[in-house]
Amino acid sequence: QRRLVESGGGMVQEGGSLRLTCTASGFRTDQYTITWFRQKQGKEREGVSRINPTDGRTFYTDSVKGRFTISKDDANNTVFLQMNSLEYEDTAVYYCAAKLWPVPHDNVGFDYEYNIWGQGTQVTVSP
């Protein structure tokens, strides 16, 4: 059974940092595109950052560029999202999602493209 489990969420003050971890089981992260999404209260889910399985290329939504970094450890089937300089507007439930490679475009993508999802982890940034 293919599963994703997120961890690392929590509460932090503005300007602080958090590192989210997404652990995959039942499939290999070197064969699947992994994307972090987030859903703010009352809003639709949005793509935050994506990493390709083959070439390791990364993609970010504009609002997190220069602050967030996605990376992965294929040996441990794990993907990370390092979030620095957190802002109040980053408050959301963060999800990781997976899709078998290839992805036919060079942007973060949309949630309907992904068929494997984690349960989400809450990130709260206090002003």
Foldseek 3Di string as FASTA:
>chain_A
DWAKAKDWADEEAAQAKIKMKIAIPPDFLLFKKKWKWWDDPPGDIDTAKIAHNDPRDMAGDPVQPPFWDWDADRVRRMIMIIGGRDDQVVWTWMKMFIDGDDDPDPHRDDPVRTDYIYPTDTHGYHD
